[in-house]
Every structure is written in C-alpha cells, then in structure tokens.
Amino acid sequence: MKKSVFLFLTIIVLAQTVLAQNSGAVEMADTMRDSGKIYVVVAVISIIFIGIVAYLFSIDKRVKKVEKGNG
C-alpha cells in the first residue's frame, strides 16, 4: 500500500515538473540543426553506443567461455 501511494505521488510530482517547463523551441538545437552539427553529435553518440554494445558482447562471450571451462 505504501509503495503504491509513494509511486503515485512521485508520478504526480514528475508530471508537474514536465508540464511546468517551457514549450518553446530550444535555440541550441535549432542552431545545431541549421549548421549541420547535430548530425556529427548523433554520429558520435551512435559510435559510442555501438562500441559499448560490442564490448559487452565480447565480455559475455569471454564469460561463457570461462564458465564452460570450469563446468
């Protein structure tokens, strides 16, 4: 019961903060989009994400190999 009340109050507080923000355009995003720099940012973030995923898969592969060797 306490968890559900806490969750409900948390959702209400978060919803109020989201609704209280300005709905105006973000000047920095518009400037980056106009100059084409946003594509560089997206490319860098994508490369980082792909690198992290590849690293996690390689770690998983190594762990399976070690578990297979011990079992």
Protein backbone atom coordinates (compact mmCIF):
# COMPACT_ATOMS: atom_id res chain seq x y z
CA MET A 1 0.00 0.00 0.00
CA LYS A 2 2.76 2.42 0.93
CA LYS A 3 4.64 1.62 -2.27
CA SER A 4 1.67 2.38 -4.47
CA VAL A 5 0.97 5.68 -2.69
CA PHE A 6 4.64 6.66 -2.97
CA LEU A 7 4.69 5.73 -6.65
CA PHE A 8 1.51 7.70 -7.30
CA LEU A 9 2.86 10.81 -5.57
CA THR A 10 6.16 10.50 -7.43
CA ILE A 11 4.37 10.31 -10.77
CA ILE A 12 2.28 13.37 -9.93
CA VAL A 13 5.36 15.39 -8.91
CA LEU A 14 7.24 14.37 -12.07
CA ALA A 15 4.24 15.18 -14.25
CA GLN A 16 4.01 18.66 -12.73
CA THR A 17 7.66 19.40 -13.43
CA VAL A 18 7.30 18.24 -17.02
CA LEU A 19 4.23 20.35 -17.59
CA ALA A 20 5.84 23.38 -15.93
CA GLN A 21 8.64 23.56 -18.47
CA ASN A 22 8.58 25.97 -21.38
CA SER A 23 7.09 24.59 -24.53
CA GLY A 24 9.18 26.98 -26.65
CA ALA A 25 11.77 25.84 -29.13
CA VAL A 26 15.28 25.07 -27.97
CA GLU A 27 17.59 27.62 -29.55
CA MET A 28 20.74 25.50 -29.27
CA ALA A 29 19.12 22.53 -31.06
CA ASP A 30 17.83 24.77 -33.83
CA THR A 31 21.27 26.35 -34.27
CA MET A 32 23.00 22.95 -34.40
CA ARG A 33 20.42 21.62 -36.85
CA ASP A 34 20.79 24.65 -39.11
CA SER A 35 24.58 24.39 -39.21
CA GLY A 36 24.57 20.60 -39.64
CA LYS A 37 26.46 19.91 -36.42
CA ILE A 38 23.60 17.86 -34.98
CA TYR A 39 24.49 15.07 -37.40
CA VAL A 40 28.02 14.99 -36.01
CA VAL A 41 26.66 14.74 -32.48
CA VAL A 42 24.30 11.91 -33.46
CA ALA A 43 27.13 10.09 -35.27
CA VAL A 44 29.46 10.33 -32.26
CA ILE A 45 26.77 9.12 -29.86
CA SER A 46 25.95 6.24 -32.22
CA ILE A 47 29.60 5.20 -32.47
CA ILE A 48 29.97 5.27 -28.69
CA PHE A 49 26.79 3.21 -28.25
CA ILE A 50 27.89 0.64 -30.84
CA GLY A 51 31.30 0.40 -29.14
CA ILE A 52 29.72 -0.21 -25.73
CA VAL A 53 27.40 -2.88 -27.15
CA ALA A 54 30.30 -4.63 -28.92
CA TYR A 55 32.37 -4.53 -25.72
CA LEU A 56 29.51 -6.04 -23.70
CA PHE A 57 29.05 -8.84 -26.24
CA SER A 58 32.78 -9.62 -26.13
CA ILE A 59 32.72 -9.73 -22.33
CA ASP A 60 29.68 -12.03 -22.44
CA LYS A 61 31.48 -14.32 -24.88
CA ARG A 62 34.54 -14.50 -22.59
CA VAL A 63 32.43 -15.19 -19.51
CA LYS A 64 30.61 -18.03 -21.28
CA LYS A 65 33.96 -19.48 -22.34
CA VAL A 66 35.27 -19.35 -18.74
CA GLU A 67 32.06 -20.86 -17.36
CA LYS A 68 32.21 -23.66 -19.92
CA GLY A 69 35.84 -24.36 -18.98
CA ASN A 70 35.07 -24.60 -15.25
CA GLY A 71 31.93 -26.70 -15.66
